[in-house]
mmCIF file of all heavy atoms, coordinates in Angstrom:
data_MODEL
# 
_entry.id   MODEL 
# 
loop_
_atom_site.group_PDB 
_atom_site.id 
_atom_site.type_symbol 
_atom_site.label_atom_id 
_atom_site.label_alt_id 
_atom_site.label_comp_id 
_atom_site.label_asym_id 
_atom_site.label_entity_id 
_atom_site.label_seq_id 
_atom_site.pdbx_PDB_ins_code 
_atom_site.Cartn_x 
_atom_site.Cartn_y 
_atom_site.Cartn_z 
_atom_site.occupancy 
_atom_site.B_iso_or_equiv 
_atom_site.pdbx_formal_charge 
_atom_site.auth_seq_id 
_atom_site.auth_comp_id 
_atom_site.auth_asym_id 
_atom_site.auth_atom_id 
_atom_site.pdbx_PDB_model_num 
ATOM 1   N N   . PRO A 1 1  ? 10.442  -20.792 -11.209 1.00 0.00 ? 1  PRO A N   1 
ATOM 2   C CA  . PRO A 1 1  ? 10.064  -20.111 -9.950  1.00 0.00 ? 1  PRO A CA  1 
ATOM 3   C C   . PRO A 1 1  ? 9.030   -19.006 -10.159 1.00 0.00 ? 1  PRO A C   1 
ATOM 4   O O   . PRO A 1 1  ? 8.092   -18.876 -9.369  1.00 0.00 ? 1  PRO A O   1 
ATOM 5   C CB  . PRO A 1 1  ? 11.386  -19.541 -9.424  1.00 0.00 ? 1  PRO A CB  1 
ATOM 6   C CG  . PRO A 1 1  ? 12.436  -20.403 -10.030 1.00 0.00 ? 1  PRO A CG  1 
ATOM 7   C CD  . PRO A 1 1  ? 11.905  -20.805 -11.376 1.00 0.00 ? 1  PRO A CD  1 
ATOM 8   N N   . LEU A 1 2  ? 9.166   -18.223 -11.235 1.00 0.00 ? 2  LEU A N   1 
ATOM 9   C CA  . LEU A 1 2  ? 8.184   -17.165 -11.504 1.00 0.00 ? 2  LEU A CA  1 
ATOM 10  C C   . LEU A 1 2  ? 6.841   -17.738 -11.898 1.00 0.00 ? 2  LEU A C   1 
ATOM 11  O O   . LEU A 1 2  ? 5.794   -17.241 -11.484 1.00 0.00 ? 2  LEU A O   1 
ATOM 12  C CB  . LEU A 1 2  ? 8.693   -16.223 -12.594 1.00 0.00 ? 2  LEU A CB  1 
ATOM 13  C CG  . LEU A 1 2  ? 9.663   -15.153 -12.139 1.00 0.00 ? 2  LEU A CG  1 
ATOM 14  C CD1 . LEU A 1 2  ? 10.156  -14.345 -13.325 1.00 0.00 ? 2  LEU A CD1 1 
ATOM 15  C CD2 . LEU A 1 2  ? 9.026   -14.240 -11.115 1.00 0.00 ? 2  LEU A CD2 1 
ATOM 16  N N   . GLU A 1 3  ? 6.859   -18.814 -12.696 1.00 0.00 ? 3  GLU A N   1 
ATOM 17  C CA  . GLU A 1 3  ? 5.605   -19.446 -13.100 1.00 0.00 ? 3  GLU A CA  1 
ATOM 18  C C   . GLU A 1 3  ? 4.882   -20.013 -11.875 1.00 0.00 ? 3  GLU A C   1 
ATOM 19  O O   . GLU A 1 3  ? 3.661   -19.890 -11.752 1.00 0.00 ? 3  GLU A O   1 
ATOM 20  C CB  . GLU A 1 3  ? 5.866   -20.551 -14.120 1.00 0.00 ? 3  GLU A CB  1 
ATOM 21  C CG  . GLU A 1 3  ? 6.323   -20.002 -15.453 1.00 0.00 ? 3  GLU A CG  1 
ATOM 22  C CD  . GLU A 1 3  ? 6.857   -21.072 -16.389 1.00 0.00 ? 3  GLU A CD  1 
ATOM 23  O OE1 . GLU A 1 3  ? 6.898   -22.254 -16.006 1.00 0.00 ? 3  GLU A OE1 1 
ATOM 24  O OE2 . GLU A 1 3  ? 7.240   -20.713 -17.506 1.00 0.00 ? 3  GLU A OE2 1 
ATOM 25  N N   . GLU A 1 4  ? 5.638   -20.637 -10.968 1.00 0.00 ? 4  GLU A N   1 
ATOM 26  C CA  . GLU A 1 4  ? 5.025   -21.190 -9.752  1.00 0.00 ? 4  GLU A CA  1 
ATOM 27  C C   . GLU A 1 4  ? 4.471   -20.078 -8.865  1.00 0.00 ? 4  GLU A C   1 
ATOM 28  O O   . GLU A 1 4  ? 3.388   -20.228 -8.290  1.00 0.00 ? 4  GLU A O   1 
ATOM 29  C CB  . GLU A 1 4  ? 6.047   -22.035 -8.993  1.00 0.00 ? 4  GLU A CB  1 
ATOM 30  C CG  . GLU A 1 4  ? 6.379   -23.332 -9.694  1.00 0.00 ? 4  GLU A CG  1 
ATOM 31  C CD  . GLU A 1 4  ? 7.526   -24.100 -9.046  1.00 0.00 ? 4  GLU A CD  1 
ATOM 32  O OE1 . GLU A 1 4  ? 8.140   -23.581 -8.086  1.00 0.00 ? 4  GLU A OE1 1 
ATOM 33  O OE2 . GLU A 1 4  ? 7.809   -25.220 -9.518  1.00 0.00 ? 4  GLU A OE2 1 
ATOM 34  N N   . LEU A 1 5  ? 5.196   -18.963 -8.759  1.00 0.00 ? 5  LEU A N   1 
ATOM 35  C CA  . LEU A 1 5  ? 4.713   -17.828 -7.973  1.00 0.00 ? 5  LEU A CA  1 
ATOM 36  C C   . LEU A 1 5  ? 3.413   -17.281 -8.574  1.00 0.00 ? 5  LEU A C   1 
ATOM 37  O O   . LEU A 1 5  ? 2.441   -17.037 -7.842  1.00 0.00 ? 5  LEU A O   1 
ATOM 38  C CB  . LEU A 1 5  ? 5.767   -16.725 -7.910  1.00 0.00 ? 5  LEU A CB  1 
ATOM 39  C CG  . LEU A 1 5  ? 5.352   -15.437 -7.203  1.00 0.00 ? 5  LEU A CG  1 
ATOM 40  C CD1 . LEU A 1 5  ? 5.007   -15.704 -5.741  1.00 0.00 ? 5  LEU A CD1 1 
ATOM 41  C CD2 . LEU A 1 5  ? 6.437   -14.385 -7.319  1.00 0.00 ? 5  LEU A CD2 1 
ATOM 42  N N   . CYS A 1 6  ? 3.365   -17.118 -9.885  1.00 0.00 ? 6  CYS A N   1 
ATOM 43  C CA  . CYS A 1 6  ? 2.141   -16.642 -10.548 1.00 0.00 ? 6  CYS A CA  1 
ATOM 44  C C   . CYS A 1 6  ? 0.984   -17.589 -10.279 1.00 0.00 ? 6  CYS A C   1 
ATOM 45  O O   . CYS A 1 6  ? -0.124  -17.153 -9.948  1.00 0.00 ? 6  CYS A O   1 
ATOM 46  C CB  . CYS A 1 6  ? 2.360   -16.509 -12.047 1.00 0.00 ? 6  CYS A CB  1 
ATOM 47  S SG  . CYS A 1 6  ? 3.479   -15.187 -12.527 1.00 0.00 ? 6  CYS A SG  1 
ATOM 48  N N   . GLN A 1 7  ? 1.224   -18.891 -10.405 1.00 0.00 ? 7  GLN A N   1 
ATOM 49  C CA  . GLN A 1 7  ? 0.158   -19.867 -10.185 1.00 0.00 ? 7  GLN A CA  1 
ATOM 50  C C   . GLN A 1 7  ? -0.308  -19.841 -8.730  1.00 0.00 ? 7  GLN A C   1 
ATOM 51  O O   . GLN A 1 7  ? -1.500  -19.934 -8.453  1.00 0.00 ? 7  GLN A O   1 
ATOM 52  C CB  . GLN A 1 7  ? 0.623   -21.272 -10.578 1.00 0.00 ? 7  GLN A CB  1 
ATOM 53  C CG  . GLN A 1 7  ? -0.497  -22.267 -10.664 1.00 0.00 ? 7  GLN A CG  1 
ATOM 54  C CD  . GLN A 1 7  ? -1.548  -21.888 -11.693 1.00 0.00 ? 7  GLN A CD  1 
ATOM 55  O OE1 . GLN A 1 7  ? -1.234  -21.420 -12.779 1.00 0.00 ? 7  GLN A OE1 1 
ATOM 56  N NE2 . GLN A 1 7  ? -2.801  -22.085 -11.357 1.00 0.00 ? 7  GLN A NE2 1 
ATOM 57  N N   . ASP A 1 8  ? 0.636   -19.693 -7.785  1.00 0.00 ? 8  ASP A N   1 
ATOM 58  C CA  . ASP A 1 8  ? 0.262   -19.597 -6.364  1.00 0.00 ? 8  ASP A CA  1 
ATOM 59  C C   . ASP A 1 8  ? -0.617  -18.379 -6.112  1.00 0.00 ? 8  ASP A C   1 
ATOM 60  O O   . ASP A 1 8  ? -1.591  -18.438 -5.366  1.00 0.00 ? 8  ASP A O   1 
ATOM 61  C CB  . ASP A 1 8  ? 1.509   -19.527 -5.470  1.00 0.00 ? 8  ASP A CB  1 
ATOM 62  C CG  . ASP A 1 8  ? 2.262   -20.844 -5.397  1.00 0.00 ? 8  ASP A CG  1 
ATOM 63  O OD1 . ASP A 1 8  ? 1.691   -21.885 -5.814  1.00 0.00 ? 8  ASP A OD1 1 
ATOM 64  O OD2 . ASP A 1 8  ? 3.412   -20.832 -4.932  1.00 0.00 ? 8  ASP A OD2 1 
ATOM 65  N N   . ILE A 1 9  ? -0.284  -17.257 -6.741  1.00 0.00 ? 9  ILE A N   1 
ATOM 66  C CA  . ILE A 1 9  ? -1.087  -16.041 -6.585  1.00 0.00 ? 9  ILE A CA  1 
ATOM 67  C C   . ILE A 1 9  ? -2.474  -16.259 -7.172  1.00 0.00 ? 9  ILE A C   1 
ATOM 68  O O   . ILE A 1 9  ? -3.486  -15.930 -6.538  1.00 0.00 ? 9  ILE A O   1 
ATOM 69  C CB  . ILE A 1 9  ? -0.381  -14.831 -7.237  1.00 0.00 ? 9  ILE A CB  1 
ATOM 70  C CG1 . ILE A 1 9  ? 0.885   -14.478 -6.444  1.00 0.00 ? 9  ILE A CG1 1 
ATOM 71  C CG2 . ILE A 1 9  ? -1.321  -13.634 -7.326  1.00 0.00 ? 9  ILE A CG2 1 
ATOM 72  C CD1 . ILE A 1 9  ? 1.798   -13.485 -7.129  1.00 0.00 ? 9  ILE A CD1 1 
ATOM 73  N N   . ILE A 1 10 ? -2.541  -16.847 -8.366  1.00 0.00 ? 10 ILE A N   1 
ATOM 74  C CA  . ILE A 1 10 ? -3.833  -17.103 -9.011  1.00 0.00 ? 10 ILE A CA  1 
ATOM 75  C C   . ILE A 1 10 ? -4.687  -18.018 -8.138  1.00 0.00 ? 10 ILE A C   1 
ATOM 76  O O   . ILE A 1 10 ? -5.879  -17.773 -7.926  1.00 0.00 ? 10 ILE A O   1 
ATOM 77  C CB  . ILE A 1 10 ? -3.629  -17.695 -10.417 1.00 0.00 ? 10 ILE A CB  1 
ATOM 78  C CG1 . ILE A 1 10 ? -3.110  -16.606 -11.363 1.00 0.00 ? 10 ILE A CG1 1 
ATOM 79  C CG2 . ILE A 1 10 ? -4.917  -18.317 -10.952 1.00 0.00 ? 10 ILE A CG2 1 
ATOM 80  C CD1 . ILE A 1 10 ? -2.648  -17.114 -12.710 1.00 0.00 ? 10 ILE A CD1 1 
ATOM 81  N N   . GLU A 1 11 ? -4.084  -19.091 -7.609  1.00 0.00 ? 11 GLU A N   1 
ATOM 82  C CA  . GLU A 1 11 ? -4.841  -20.039 -6.796  1.00 0.00 ? 11 GLU A CA  1 
ATOM 83  C C   . GLU A 1 11 ? -5.265  -19.464 -5.447  1.00 0.00 ? 11 GLU A C   1 
ATOM 84  O O   . GLU A 1 11 ? -6.153  -20.001 -4.803  1.00 0.00 ? 11 GLU A O   1 
ATOM 85  C CB  . GLU A 1 11 ? -4.042  -21.322 -6.610  1.00 0.00 ? 11 GLU A CB  1 
ATOM 86  C CG  . GLU A 1 11 ? -3.937  -22.113 -7.907  1.00 0.00 ? 11 GLU A CG  1 
ATOM 87  C CD  . GLU A 1 11 ? -3.053  -23.337 -7.807  1.00 0.00 ? 11 GLU A CD  1 
ATOM 88  O OE1 . GLU A 1 11 ? -2.459  -23.572 -6.729  1.00 0.00 ? 11 GLU A OE1 1 
ATOM 89  O OE2 . GLU A 1 11 ? -2.951  -24.060 -8.810  1.00 0.00 ? 11 GLU A OE2 1 
ATOM 90  N N   . SER A 1 12 ? -4.649  -18.361 -5.019  1.00 0.00 ? 12 SER A N   1 
ATOM 91  C CA  . SER A 1 12 ? -5.016  -17.756 -3.741  1.00 0.00 ? 12 SER A CA  1 
ATOM 92  C C   . SER A 1 12 ? -6.170  -16.759 -3.864  1.00 0.00 ? 12 SER A C   1 
ATOM 93  O O   . SER A 1 12 ? -6.676  -16.283 -2.851  1.00 0.00 ? 12 SER A O   1 
ATOM 94  C CB  . SER A 1 12 ? -3.805  -17.043 -3.131  1.00 0.00 ? 12 SER A CB  1 
ATOM 95  O OG  . SER A 1 12 ? -3.509  -15.853 -3.841  1.00 0.00 ? 12 SER A OG  1 
ATOM 96  N N   . VAL A 1 13 ? -6.582  -16.454 -5.094  1.00 0.00 ? 13 VAL A N   1 
ATOM 97  C CA  . VAL A 1 13 ? -7.651  -15.473 -5.300  1.00 0.00 ? 13 VAL A CA  1 
ATOM 98  C C   . VAL A 1 13 ? -8.977  -16.037 -4.782  1.00 0.00 ? 13 VAL A C   1 
ATOM 99  O O   . VAL A 1 13 ? -9.348  -17.165 -5.065  1.00 0.00 ? 13 VAL A O   1 
ATOM 100 C CB  . VAL A 1 13 ? -7.782  -15.104 -6.795  1.00 0.00 ? 13 VAL A CB  1 
ATOM 101 C CG1 . VAL A 1 13 ? -9.014  -14.256 -7.053  1.00 0.00 ? 13 VAL A CG1 1 
ATOM 102 C CG2 . VAL A 1 13 ? -6.531  -14.379 -7.269  1.00 0.00 ? 13 VAL A CG2 1 
ATOM 103 N N   . ARG A 1 14 ? -9.673  -15.253 -3.996  1.00 0.00 ? 14 ARG A N   1 
ATOM 104 C CA  . ARG A 1 14 ? -10.988 -15.613 -3.470  1.00 0.00 ? 14 ARG A CA  1 
ATOM 105 C C   . ARG A 1 14 ? -11.951 -14.469 -3.797  1.00 0.00 ? 14 ARG A C   1 
ATOM 106 O O   . ARG A 1 14 ? -11.608 -13.302 -3.649  1.00 0.00 ? 14 ARG A O   1 
ATOM 107 C CB  . ARG A 1 14 ? -10.966 -15.792 -1.945  1.00 0.00 ? 14 ARG A CB  1 
ATOM 108 C CG  . ARG A 1 14 ? -9.976  -16.814 -1.433  1.00 0.00 ? 14 ARG A CG  1 
ATOM 109 C CD  . ARG A 1 14 ? -10.426 -18.234 -1.761  1.00 0.00 ? 14 ARG A CD  1 
ATOM 110 N NE  . ARG A 1 14 ? -9.544  -19.222 -1.205  1.00 0.00 ? 14 ARG A NE  1 
ATOM 111 C CZ  . ARG A 1 14 ? -8.495  -19.738 -1.823  1.00 0.00 ? 14 ARG A CZ  1 
ATOM 112 N NH1 . ARG A 1 14 ? -8.177  -19.336 -3.023  1.00 0.00 ? 14 ARG A NH1 1 
ATOM 113 N NH2 . ARG A 1 14 ? -7.751  -20.661 -1.249  1.00 0.00 ? 14 ARG A NH2 1 
ATOM 114 N N   . LEU A 1 15 ? -13.122 -14.813 -4.259  1.00 0.00 ? 15 LEU A N   1 
ATOM 115 C CA  . LEU A 1 15 ? -14.129 -13.809 -4.558  1.00 0.00 ? 15 LEU A CA  1 
ATOM 116 C C   . LEU A 1 15 ? -15.278 -13.940 -3.575  1.00 0.00 ? 15 LEU A C   1 
ATOM 117 O O   . LEU A 1 15 ? -15.697 -15.050 -3.250  1.00 0.00 ? 15 LEU A O   1 
ATOM 118 C CB  . LEU A 1 15 ? -14.679 -13.992 -5.973  1.00 0.00 ? 15 LEU A CB  1 
ATOM 119 C CG  . LEU A 1 15 ? -13.750 -13.703 -7.133  1.00 0.00 ? 15 LEU A CG  1 
ATOM 120 C CD1 . LEU A 1 15 ? -14.482 -13.941 -8.443  1.00 0.00 ? 15 LEU A CD1 1 
ATOM 121 C CD2 . LEU A 1 15 ? -13.239 -12.284 -7.079  1.00 0.00 ? 15 LEU A CD2 1 
ATOM 122 N N   . GLU A 1 16 ? -15.764 -12.816 -3.113  1.00 0.00 ? 16 GLU A N   1 
ATOM 123 C CA  . GLU A 1 16 ? -16.956 -12.798 -2.282  1.00 0.00 ? 16 GLU A CA  1 
ATOM 124 C C   . GLU A 1 16 ? -18.024 -11.998 -3.006  1.00 0.00 ? 16 GLU A C   1 
ATOM 125 O O   . GLU A 1 16 ? -17.729 -10.999 -3.657  1.00 0.00 ? 16 GLU A O   1 
ATOM 126 C CB  . GLU A 1 16 ? -16.643 -12.165 -0.923  1.00 0.00 ? 16 GLU A CB  1 
ATOM 127 C CG  . GLU A 1 16 ? -15.724 -13.009 -0.068  1.00 0.00 ? 16 GLU A CG  1 
ATOM 128 C CD  . GLU A 1 16 ? -15.559 -12.451 1.334   1.00 0.00 ? 16 GLU A CD  1 
ATOM 129 O OE1 . GLU A 1 16 ? -16.431 -11.673 1.774   1.00 0.00 ? 16 GLU A OE1 1 
ATOM 130 O OE2 . GLU A 1 16 ? -14.565 -12.794 1.968   1.00 0.00 ? 16 GLU A OE2 1 
ATOM 131 N N   . LEU A 1 17 ? -19.248 -12.453 -2.874  1.00 0.00 ? 17 LEU A N   1 
ATOM 132 C CA  . LEU A 1 17 ? -20.352 -11.730 -3.515  1.00 0.00 ? 17 LEU A CA  1 
ATOM 133 C C   . LEU A 1 17 ? -20.522 -10.359 -2.870  1.00 0.00 ? 17 LEU A C   1 
ATOM 134 O O   . LEU A 1 17 ? -20.429 -10.215 -1.653  1.00 0.00 ? 17 LEU A O   1 
ATOM 135 C CB  . LEU A 1 17 ? -21.641 -12.533 -3.396  1.00 0.00 ? 17 LEU A CB  1 
ATOM 136 C CG  . LEU A 1 17 ? -21.686 -13.870 -4.128  1.00 0.00 ? 17 LEU A CG  1 
ATOM 137 C CD1 . LEU A 1 17 ? -22.991 -14.592 -3.827  1.00 0.00 ? 17 LEU A CD1 1 
ATOM 138 C CD2 . LEU A 1 17 ? -21.534 -13.674 -5.621  1.00 0.00 ? 17 LEU A CD2 1 
ATOM 139 N N   . SER A 1 18 ? -20.811 -9.377  -3.693  1.00 0.00 ? 18 SER A N   1 
ATOM 140 C CA  . SER A 1 18 ? -21.102 -8.039  -3.185  1.00 0.00 ? 18 SER A CA  1 
ATOM 141 C C   . SER A 1 18 ? -22.469 -8.071  -2.501  1.00 0.00 ? 18 SER A C   1 
ATOM 142 O O   . SER A 1 18 ? -23.253 -8.999  -2.723  1.00 0.00 ? 18 SER A O   1 
ATOM 143 C CB  . SER A 1 18 ? -21.109 -7.035  -4.334  1.00 0.00 ? 18 SER A CB  1 
ATOM 144 O OG  . SER A 1 18 ? -22.200 -7.310  -5.194  1.00 0.00 ? 18 SER A OG  1 
ATOM 145 N N   . PRO A 1 19 ? -22.783 -7.068  -1.680  1.00 0.00 ? 19 PRO A N   1 
ATOM 146 C CA  . PRO A 1 19 ? -24.109 -7.035  -1.048  1.00 0.00 ? 19 PRO A CA  1 
ATOM 147 C C   . PRO A 1 19 ? -25.259 -7.118  -2.063  1.00 0.00 ? 19 PRO A C   1 
ATOM 148 O O   . PRO A 1 19 ? -26.228 -7.839  -1.840  1.00 0.00 ? 19 PRO A O   1 
ATOM 149 C CB  . PRO A 1 19 ? -24.115 -5.710  -0.290  1.00 0.00 ? 19 PRO A CB  1 
ATOM 150 C CG  . PRO A 1 19 ? -22.668 -5.453  0.015   1.00 0.00 ? 19 PRO A CG  1 
ATOM 151 C CD  . PRO A 1 19 ? -21.931 -5.987  -1.179  1.00 0.00 ? 19 PRO A CD  1 
ATOM 152 N N   . SER A 1 20 ? -25.126 -6.417  -3.193  1.00 0.00 ? 20 SER A N   1 
ATOM 153 C CA  . SER A 1 20 ? -26.207 -6.464  -4.186  1.00 0.00 ? 20 SER A CA  1 
ATOM 154 C C   . SER A 1 20 ? -26.282 -7.843  -4.838  1.00 0.00 ? 20 SER A C   1 
ATOM 155 O O   . SER A 1 20 ? -27.381 -8.357  -5.099  1.00 0.00 ? 20 SER A O   1 
ATOM 156 C CB  . SER A 1 20 ? -26.019 -5.382  -5.246  1.00 0.00 ? 20 SER A CB  1 
ATOM 157 O OG  . SER A 1 20 ? -24.838 -5.599  -5.988  1.00 0.00 ? 20 SER A OG  1 
ATOM 158 N N   . ALA A 1 21 ? -25.126 -8.484  -5.090  1.00 0.00 ? 21 ALA A N   1 
ATOM 159 C CA  . ALA A 1 21 ? -25.133 -9.827  -5.671  1.00 0.00 ? 21 ALA A CA  1 
ATOM 160 C C   . ALA A 1 21 ? -25.687 -10.842 -4.678  1.00 0.00 ? 21 ALA A C   1 
ATOM 161 O O   . ALA A 1 21 ? -26.417 -11.759 -5.068  1.00 0.00 ? 21 ALA A O   1 
ATOM 162 C CB  . ALA A 1 21 ? -23.724 -10.224 -6.109  1.00 0.00 ? 21 ALA A CB  1 
ATOM 163 N N   . LYS A 1 22 ? -25.368 -10.664 -3.386  1.00 0.00 ? 22 LYS A N   1 
ATOM 164 C CA  . LYS A 1 22 ? -25.933 -11.553 -2.355  1.00 0.00 ? 22 LYS A CA  1 
ATOM 165 C C   . LYS A 1 22 ? -27.461 -11.418 -2.320  1.00 0.00 ? 22 LYS A C   1 
ATOM 166 O O   . LYS A 1 22 ? -28.179 -12.417 -2.225  1.00 0.00 ? 22 LYS A O   1 
ATOM 167 C CB  . LYS A 1 22 ? -25.356 -11.217 -0.980  1.00 0.00 ? 22 LYS A CB  1 
ATOM 168 C CG  . LYS A 1 22 ? -23.977 -11.749 -0.746  1.00 0.00 ? 22 LYS A CG  1 
ATOM 169 C CD  . LYS A 1 22 ? -23.514 -11.405 0.656   1.00 0.00 ? 22 LYS A CD  1 
ATOM 170 C CE  . LYS A 1 22 ? -22.067 -11.788 0.853   1.00 0.00 ? 22 LYS A CE  1 
ATOM 171 N NZ  . LYS A 1 22 ? -21.553 -11.428 2.167   1.00 0.00 ? 22 LYS A NZ  1 
ATOM 172 N N   . GLN A 1 23 ? -27.925 -10.177 -2.400  1.00 0.00 ? 23 GLN A N   1 
ATOM 173 C CA  . GLN A 1 23 ? -29.371 -9.936  -2.389  1.00 0.00 ? 23 GLN A CA  1 
ATOM 174 C C   . GLN A 1 23 ? -30.033 -10.571 -3.616  1.00 0.00 ? 23 GLN A C   1 
ATOM 175 O O   . GLN A 1 23 ? -31.069 -11.229 -3.493  1.00 0.00 ? 23 GLN A O   1 
ATOM 176 C CB  . GLN A 1 23 ? -29.653 -8.432  -2.344  1.00 0.00 ? 23 GLN A CB  1 
ATOM 177 C CG  . GLN A 1 23 ? -31.129 -8.101  -2.259  1.00 0.00 ? 23 GLN A CG  1 
ATOM 178 C CD  . GLN A 1 23 ? -31.364 -6.598  -2.200  1.00 0.00 ? 23 GLN A CD  1 
ATOM 179 O OE1 . GLN A 1 23 ? -30.426 -5.801  -2.200  1.00 0.00 ? 23 GLN A OE1 1 
ATOM 180 N NE2 . GLN A 1 23 ? -32.628 -6.205  -2.170  1.00 0.00 ? 23 GLN A NE2 1 
ATOM 181 N N   . ASP A 1 24 ? -29.421 -10.397 -4.792  1.00 0.00 ? 24 ASP A N   1 
ATOM 182 C CA  . ASP A 1 24 ? -29.947 -11.024 -6.011  1.00 0.00 ? 24 ASP A CA  1 
ATOM 183 C C   . ASP A 1 24 ? -29.989 -12.539 -5.862  1.00 0.00 ? 24 ASP A C   1 
ATOM 184 O O   . ASP A 1 24 ? -30.970 -13.186 -6.216  1.00 0.00 ? 24 ASP A O   1 
ATOM 185 C CB  . ASP A 1 24 ? -29.094 -10.661 -7.230  1.00 0.00 ? 24 ASP A CB  1 
ATOM 186 C CG  . ASP A 1 24 ? -29.221 -9.206  -7.635  1.00 0.00 ? 24 ASP A CG  1 
ATOM 187 O OD1 . ASP A 1 24 ? -30.163 -8.528  -7.157  1.00 0.00 ? 24 ASP A OD1 1 
ATOM 188 O OD2 . ASP A 1 24 ? -28.371 -8.742  -8.429  1.00 0.00 ? 24 ASP A OD2 1 
ATOM 189 N N   . PHE A 1 25 ? -28.915 -13.100 -5.331  1.00 0.00 ? 25 PHE A N   1 
ATOM 190 C CA  . PHE A 1 25 ? -28.841 -14.546 -5.147  1.00 0.00 ? 25 PHE A CA  1 
ATOM 191 C C   . PHE A 1 25 ? -29.931 -15.040 -4.195  1.00 0.00 ? 25 PHE A C   1 
ATOM 192 O O   . PHE A 1 25 ? -30.606 -16.032 -4.476  1.00 0.00 ? 25 PHE A O   1 
ATOM 193 C CB  . PHE A 1 25 ? -27.451 -14.942 -4.629  1.00 0.00 ? 25 PHE A CB  1 
ATOM 194 C CG  . PHE A 1 25 ? -27.330 -16.390 -4.275  1.00 0.00 ? 25 PHE A CG  1 
ATOM 195 C CD1 . PHE A 1 25 ? -27.264 -17.355 -5.268  1.00 0.00 ? 25 PHE A CD1 1 
ATOM 196 C CD2 . PHE A 1 25 ? -27.289 -16.797 -2.951  1.00 0.00 ? 25 PHE A CD2 1 
ATOM 197 C CE1 . PHE A 1 25 ? -27.152 -18.698 -4.946  1.00 0.00 ? 25 PHE A CE1 1 
ATOM 198 C CE2 . PHE A 1 25 ? -27.184 -18.136 -2.622  1.00 0.00 ? 25 PHE A CE2 1 
ATOM 199 C CZ  . PHE A 1 25 ? -27.112 -19.093 -3.623  1.00 0.00 ? 25 PHE A CZ  1 
ATOM 200 N N   . GLU A 1 26 ? -30.111 -14.329 -3.086  1.00 0.00 ? 26 GLU A N   1 
ATOM 201 C CA  . GLU A 1 26 ? -31.129 -14.734 -2.114  1.00 0.00 ? 26 GLU A CA  1 
ATOM 202 C C   . GLU A 1 26 ? -32.541 -14.640 -2.702  1.00 0.00 ? 26 GLU A C   1 
ATOM 203 O O   . GLU A 1 26 ? -33.386 -15.496 -2.448  1.00 0.00 ? 26 GLU A O   1 
ATOM 204 C CB  . GLU A 1 26 ? -31.001 -13.896 -0.843  1.00 0.00 ? 26 GLU A CB  1 
ATOM 205 C CG  . GLU A 1 26 ? -29.756 -14.245 -0.045  1.00 0.00 ? 26 GLU A CG  1 
ATOM 206 C CD  . GLU A 1 26 ? -29.428 -13.240 1.052   1.00 0.00 ? 26 GLU A CD  1 
ATOM 207 O OE1 . GLU A 1 26 ? -30.168 -12.234 1.207   1.00 0.00 ? 26 GLU A OE1 1 
ATOM 208 O OE2 . GLU A 1 26 ? -28.422 -13.458 1.748   1.00 0.00 ? 26 GLU A OE2 1 
# 
């Protein structure tokens, strides 16, 4: 149960580019 909870938390992580990273990307 703890391993599944950890994996669920890991899989829920979402990253968004920061404004400076978005500008660099563009």
